[in-house]
Amino acid sequence: MAKLKVTVPENSLDIIGEIEIKAPLEKVFEAYIKEEVFVKWFCRGNQVKVNKFEGKNGGVWDIEEKDPEGNEWGFYGVFHEIADNERIIWTFEFMGMGERGHVSLEKIEFSKGEGNITKMKSTSTFFNQEDRDGMVDSGMEEGWRKSIEALEELLTNE
């Protein structure tokens, strides 16, 4: 089962996630930069509209998610660095926080664990405390956990 440990340090602008997924590192990394794989796990099986997805340095990603109850959310960002099988640095904007402008810079570091385990450390840095706390209060951890579990399930069933 996929593992996610979320830390929200006091007096910090960061949210830190430590993740373990039972799948090969190369497949996990690819799942972040290949549109056809990303949309299957990131939105946890919900309906997805891809406005743009360019999994490359400088590429934009812009997707909309709709759940079975009709709730809709948008996600937007730019890939700033893709270092194959090592690191992704991107911006992340969750459009479910009212007005736009609640952007974080996220660094995701990938490494091989024991056996067939991939480890990731995700550090999201926000512009201010209110944005960071707003993301936490939005139910981010539950959604993140479900996405990571969906990723592991997808890669296990390939």
C-alpha atoms as a PDB file:
ATOM      1  CA  MET A   1       0.000   0.000   0.000  1.00  0.00           C
ATOM      2  CA  ALA A   2       1.287   3.457  -0.908  1.00  0.00           C
ATOM      3  CA  LYS A   3       2.488   5.537   2.033  1.00  0.00           C
ATOM      4  CA  LEU A   4       2.244   9.287   2.499  1.00  0.00           C
ATOM      5  CA  LYS A   5       3.516  11.237   5.490  1.00  0.00           C
ATOM      6  CA  VAL A   6       2.633  14.934   5.402  1.00  0.00           C
ATOM      7  CA  THR A   7       4.472  17.448   7.568  1.00  0.00           C
ATOM      8  CA  VAL A   8       3.338  21.053   7.949  1.00  0.00           C
ATOM      9  CA  PRO A   9       6.159  22.756   9.871  1.00  0.00           C
ATOM     10  CA  GLU A  10       5.156  25.520  12.259  1.00  0.00           C
ATOM     11  CA  ASN A  11       6.211  29.048  11.214  1.00  0.00           C
ATOM     12  CA  SER A  12       7.087  27.842   7.715  1.00  0.00           C
ATOM     13  CA  LEU A  13       5.753  28.339   4.211  1.00  0.00           C
ATOM     14  CA  ASP A  14       6.273  24.653   3.358  1.00  0.00           C
ATOM     15  CA  ILE A  15       4.264  21.468   3.134  1.00  0.00           C
ATOM     16  CA  ILE A  16       6.470  18.368   2.992  1.00  0.00           C
ATOM     17  CA  GLY A  17       5.325  14.984   1.770  1.00  0.00           C
ATOM     18  CA  GLU A  18       7.318  11.776   2.085  1.00  0.00           C
ATOM     19  CA  ILE A  19       5.948   9.105  -0.225  1.00  0.00           C
ATOM     20  CA  GLU A  20       6.625   5.418  -0.843  1.00  0.00           C
ATOM     21  CA  ILE A  21       5.098   3.585  -3.794  1.00  0.00           C
ATOM     22  CA  LYS A  22       5.554  -0.054  -4.705  1.00  0.00           C
ATOM     23  CA  ALA A  23       6.525   0.453  -8.351  1.00  0.00           C
ATOM     24  CA  PRO A  24       9.725   0.983 -10.361  1.00  0.00           C
ATOM     25  CA  LEU A  25      11.232   4.464 -10.108  1.00  0.00           C
ATOM     26  CA  GLU A  26      11.237   4.951 -13.894  1.00  0.00           C
ATOM     27  CA  LYS A  27       7.496   4.191 -14.126  1.00  0.00           C
ATOM     28  CA  VAL A  28       6.651   6.488 -11.197  1.00  0.00           C
ATOM     29  CA  PHE A  29       8.686   9.335 -12.688  1.00  0.00           C
ATOM     30  CA  GLU A  30       7.094   8.843 -16.111  1.00  0.00           C
ATOM     31  CA  ALA A  31       3.636   9.028 -14.504  1.00  0.00           C
ATOM     32  CA  TYR A  32       4.327  12.684 -13.655  1.00  0.00           C
ATOM     33  CA  ILE A  33       5.382  13.810 -17.135  1.00  0.00           C
ATOM     34  CA  LYS A  34       3.315  11.668 -19.555  1.00  0.00           C
ATOM     35  CA  GLU A  35      -0.168  13.111 -20.061  1.00  0.00           C
ATOM     36  CA  GLU A  36      -1.873   9.790 -20.769  1.00  0.00           C
ATOM     37  CA  VAL A  37      -0.594   8.345 -17.474  1.00  0.00           C
ATOM     38  CA  PHE A  38      -0.852  11.511 -15.346  1.00  0.00           C
ATOM     39  CA  VAL A  39      -4.579  12.005 -15.936  1.00  0.00           C
ATOM     40  CA  LYS A  40      -5.354   8.414 -14.904  1.00  0.00           C
ATOM     41  CA  TRP A  41      -3.988   8.758 -11.368  1.00  0.00           C
ATOM     42  CA  PHE A  42      -3.802  12.459 -10.480  1.00  0.00           C
ATOM     43  CA  CYS A  43      -7.588  12.915 -10.570  1.00  0.00           C
ATOM     44  CA  ARG A  44      -8.253   9.481  -9.028  1.00  0.00           C
ATOM     45  CA  GLY A  45     -10.551   8.216 -11.760  1.00  0.00           C
ATOM     46  CA  ASN A  46     -12.691  11.354 -11.892  1.00  0.00           C
ATOM     47  CA  GLN A  47     -13.636  12.941 -15.196  1.00  0.00           C
ATOM     48  CA  VAL A  48     -10.707  14.985 -16.560  1.00  0.00           C
ATOM     49  CA  LYS A  49     -10.456  17.716 -19.168  1.00  0.00           C
ATOM     50  CA  VAL A  50      -6.906  18.419 -20.325  1.00  0.00           C
ATOM     51  CA  ASN A  51      -6.527  21.990 -21.550  1.00  0.00           C
ATOM     52  CA  LYS A  52      -2.778  21.588 -21.986  1.00  0.00           C
ATOM     53  CA  PHE A  53      -0.104  19.155 -20.840  1.00  0.00           C
ATOM     54  CA  GLU A  54       3.519  19.537 -21.888  1.00  0.00           C
ATOM     55  CA  GLY A  55       5.696  17.275 -19.744  1.00  0.00           C
ATOM     56  CA  LYS A  56       8.974  19.015 -20.575  1.00  0.00           C
ATOM     57  CA  ASN A  57      11.167  21.817 -19.242  1.00  0.00           C
ATOM     58  CA  GLY A  58       9.126  25.004 -19.583  1.00  0.00           C
ATOM     59  CA  GLY A  59       5.955  23.052 -20.396  1.00  0.00           C
ATOM     60  CA  VAL A  60       2.529  24.009 -19.080  1.00  0.00           C
ATOM     61  CA  TRP A  61       0.024  21.686 -17.439  1.00  0.00           C
ATOM     62  CA  ASP A  62      -3.594  22.786 -17.120  1.00  0.00           C
ATOM     63  CA  ILE A  63      -6.308  20.290 -16.200  1.00  0.00           C
ATOM     64  CA  GLU A  64      -9.855  20.330 -14.857  1.00  0.00           C
ATOM     65  CA  GLU A  65     -11.344  17.589 -12.685  1.00  0.00           C
ATOM     66  CA  LYS A  66     -15.018  16.798 -12.105  1.00  0.00           C
ATOM     67  CA  ASP A  67     -16.134  14.289  -9.469  1.00  0.00           C
ATOM     68  CA  PRO A  68     -19.337  12.160  -9.617  1.00  0.00           C
ATOM     69  CA  GLU A  69     -21.190  14.726  -7.442  1.00  0.00           C
ATOM     70  CA  GLY A  70     -20.466  17.459  -9.981  1.00  0.00           C
ATOM     71  CA  ASN A  71     -17.768  19.275  -7.982  1.00  0.00           C
ATOM     72  CA  GLU A  72     -15.143  20.797 -10.263  1.00  0.00           C
ATOM     73  CA  TRP A  73     -11.545  21.814  -9.608  1.00  0.00           C
ATOM     74  CA  GLY A  74      -8.800  23.152 -11.788  1.00  0.00           C
ATOM     75  CA  PHE A  75      -5.054  22.642 -11.516  1.00  0.00           C
ATOM     76  CA  TYR A  76      -2.422  24.667 -13.319  1.00  0.00           C
ATOM     77  CA  GLY A  77       1.351  24.816 -13.372  1.00  0.00           C
ATOM     78  CA  VAL A  78       4.602  25.039 -15.289  1.00  0.00           C
ATOM     79  CA  PHE A  79       7.377  22.444 -15.381  1.00  0.00           C
ATOM     80  CA  HIS A  80      10.526  24.393 -14.475  1.00  0.00           C
ATOM     81  CA  GLU A  81      12.949  21.460 -14.354  1.00  0.00           C
ATOM     82  CA  ILE A  82      12.686  17.820 -15.296  1.00  0.00           C
ATOM     83  CA  ALA A  83      15.794  15.805 -14.379  1.00  0.00           C
ATOM     84  CA  ASP A  84      14.933  12.288 -15.557  1.00  0.00           C
ATOM     85  CA  ASN A  85      14.261   9.853 -12.713  1.00  0.00           C
ATOM     86  CA  GLU A  86      15.704  12.308 -10.169  1.00  0.00           C
ATOM     87  CA  ARG A  87      13.706  15.503  -9.758  1.00  0.00           C
ATOM     88  CA  ILE A  88      10.801  17.600 -10.978  1.00  0.00           C
ATOM     89  CA  ILE A  89      10.379  21.252 -10.094  1.00  0.00           C
ATOM     90  CA  TRP A  90       7.039  22.747 -11.062  1.00  0.00           C
ATOM     91  CA  THR A  91       4.582  25.362 -10.006  1.00  0.00           C
ATOM     92  CA  PHE A  92       1.267  24.141  -8.667  1.00  0.00           C
ATOM     93  CA  GLU A  93      -1.915  26.164  -8.502  1.00  0.00           C
ATOM     94  CA  PHE A  94      -5.105  24.637  -7.109  1.00  0.00           C
ATOM     95  CA  MET A  95      -8.016  26.584  -8.542  1.00  0.00           C
ATOM     96  CA  GLY A  96     -10.363  25.482  -5.733  1.00  0.00           C
ATOM     97  CA  MET A  97      -9.300  28.229  -3.328  1.00  0.00           C
ATOM     98  CA  GLY A  98     -11.483  31.049  -4.645  1.00  0.00           C
ATOM     99  CA  GLU A  99      -9.533  33.630  -6.589  1.00  0.00           C
ATOM    100  CA  ARG A 100      -6.355  32.825  -8.535  1.00  0.00           C
ATOM    101  CA  GLY A 101      -2.847  33.508  -7.307  1.00  0.00           C
ATOM    102  CA  HIS A 102      -2.417  30.789  -4.660  1.00  0.00           C
ATOM    103  CA  VAL A 103       0.668  29.294  -6.301  1.00  0.00           C
ATOM    104  CA  SER A 104       3.319  27.070  -4.764  1.00  0.00           C
ATOM    105  CA  LEU A 105       6.714  26.008  -6.055  1.00  0.00           C
ATOM    106  CA  GLU A 106       7.071  22.256  -5.651  1.00  0.00           C
ATOM    107  CA  LYS A 107      10.226  20.167  -5.784  1.00  0.00           C
ATOM    108  CA  ILE A 108       9.717  16.409  -6.044  1.00  0.00           C
ATOM    109  CA  GLU A 109      12.828  14.282  -5.485  1.00  0.00           C
ATOM    110  CA  PHE A 110      12.742  10.628  -6.593  1.00  0.00           C
ATOM    111  CA  SER A 111      14.938   7.795  -5.290  1.00  0.00           C
ATOM    112  CA  LYS A 112      14.990   4.007  -5.241  1.00  0.00           C
ATOM    113  CA  GLY A 113      14.115   2.311  -1.998  1.00  0.00           C
ATOM    114  CA  GLU A 114      14.534  -1.339  -1.082  1.00  0.00           C
ATOM    115  CA  GLY A 115      13.043  -3.898  -3.417  1.00  0.00           C
ATOM    116  CA  ASN A 116      10.581  -2.405  -5.861  1.00  0.00           C
ATOM    117  CA  ILE A 117       9.885   0.716  -3.778  1.00  0.00           C
ATOM    118  CA  THR A 118      10.154   4.253  -5.113  1.00  0.00           C
ATOM    119  CA  LYS A 119      10.599   7.026  -2.563  1.00  0.00           C
ATOM    120  CA  MET A 120       9.683  10.630  -3.174  1.00  0.00           C
ATOM    121  CA  LYS A 121      10.119  13.758  -1.135  1.00  0.00           C
ATOM    122  CA  SER A 122       7.853  16.605  -2.161  1.00  0.00           C
ATOM    123  CA  THR A 123       8.468  20.088  -0.782  1.00  0.00           C
ATOM    124  CA  SER A 124       5.839  22.707  -1.644  1.00  0.00           C
ATOM    125  CA  THR A 125       6.722  26.294  -0.775  1.00  0.00           C
ATOM    126  CA  PHE A 126       4.008  28.947  -0.721  1.00  0.00           C
ATOM    127  CA  PHE A 127       4.262  32.733  -0.959  1.00  0.00           C
ATOM    128  CA  ASN A 128       2.641  33.285   2.426  1.00  0.00           C
ATOM    129  CA  GLN A 129       1.296  31.499   5.492  1.00  0.00           C
ATOM    130  CA  GLU A 130      -2.339  32.077   4.522  1.00  0.00           C
ATOM    131  CA  ASP A 131      -1.922  30.304   1.176  1.00  0.00           C
ATOM    132  CA  ARG A 132      -0.116  27.390   2.792  1.00  0.00           C
ATOM    133  CA  ASP A 133      -2.751  27.043   5.505  1.00  0.00           C
ATOM    134  CA  GLY A 134      -5.551  27.442   2.951  1.00  0.00           C
ATOM    135  CA  MET A 135      -4.152  24.520   0.981  1.00  0.00           C
ATOM    136  CA  VAL A 136      -3.984  22.387   4.129  1.00  0.00           C
ATOM    137  CA  ASP A 137      -7.558  23.355   5.069  1.00  0.00           C
ATOM    138  CA  SER A 138      -8.841  22.527   1.557  1.00  0.00           C
ATOM    139  CA  GLY A 139      -8.531  18.777   2.232  1.00  0.00           C
ATOM    140  CA  MET A 140      -5.253  18.559   0.355  1.00  0.00           C
ATOM    141  CA  GLU A 141      -3.873  15.660   2.380  1.00  0.00           C
ATOM    142  CA  GLU A 142      -6.845  13.372   1.704  1.00  0.00           C
ATOM    143  CA  GLY A 143      -6.806  14.167  -2.018  1.00  0.00           C
ATOM    144  CA  TRP A 144      -3.043  13.688  -2.183  1.00  0.00           C
ATOM    145  CA  ARG A 145      -3.275  10.332  -0.418  1.00  0.00           C
ATOM    146  CA  LYS A 146      -5.993   9.140  -2.807  1.00  0.00           C
ATOM    147  CA  SER A 147      -3.921  10.238  -5.808  1.00  0.00           C
ATOM    148  CA  ILE A 148      -0.817   8.409  -4.562  1.00  0.00           C
ATOM    149  CA  GLU A 149      -2.862   5.266  -3.926  1.00  0.00           C
ATOM    150  CA  ALA A 150      -4.362   5.551  -7.430  1.00  0.00           C
ATOM    151  CA  LEU A 151      -0.850   5.909  -8.875  1.00  0.00           C
ATOM    152  CA  GLU A 152       0.375   2.766  -7.150  1.00  0.00           C
ATOM    153  CA  GLU A 153      -2.722   0.828  -8.226  1.00  0.00           C
ATOM    154  CA  LEU A 154      -2.337   1.987 -11.832  1.00  0.00           C
ATOM    155  CA  LEU A 155       1.338   1.012 -12.005  1.00  0.00           C
ATOM    156  CA  THR A 156       0.724  -2.314 -10.247  1.00  0.00           C
ATOM    157  CA  ASN A 157      -1.984  -3.278 -12.747  1.00  0.00           C
ATOM    158  CA  GLU A 158       0.008  -2.398 -15.877  1.00  0.00           C
END
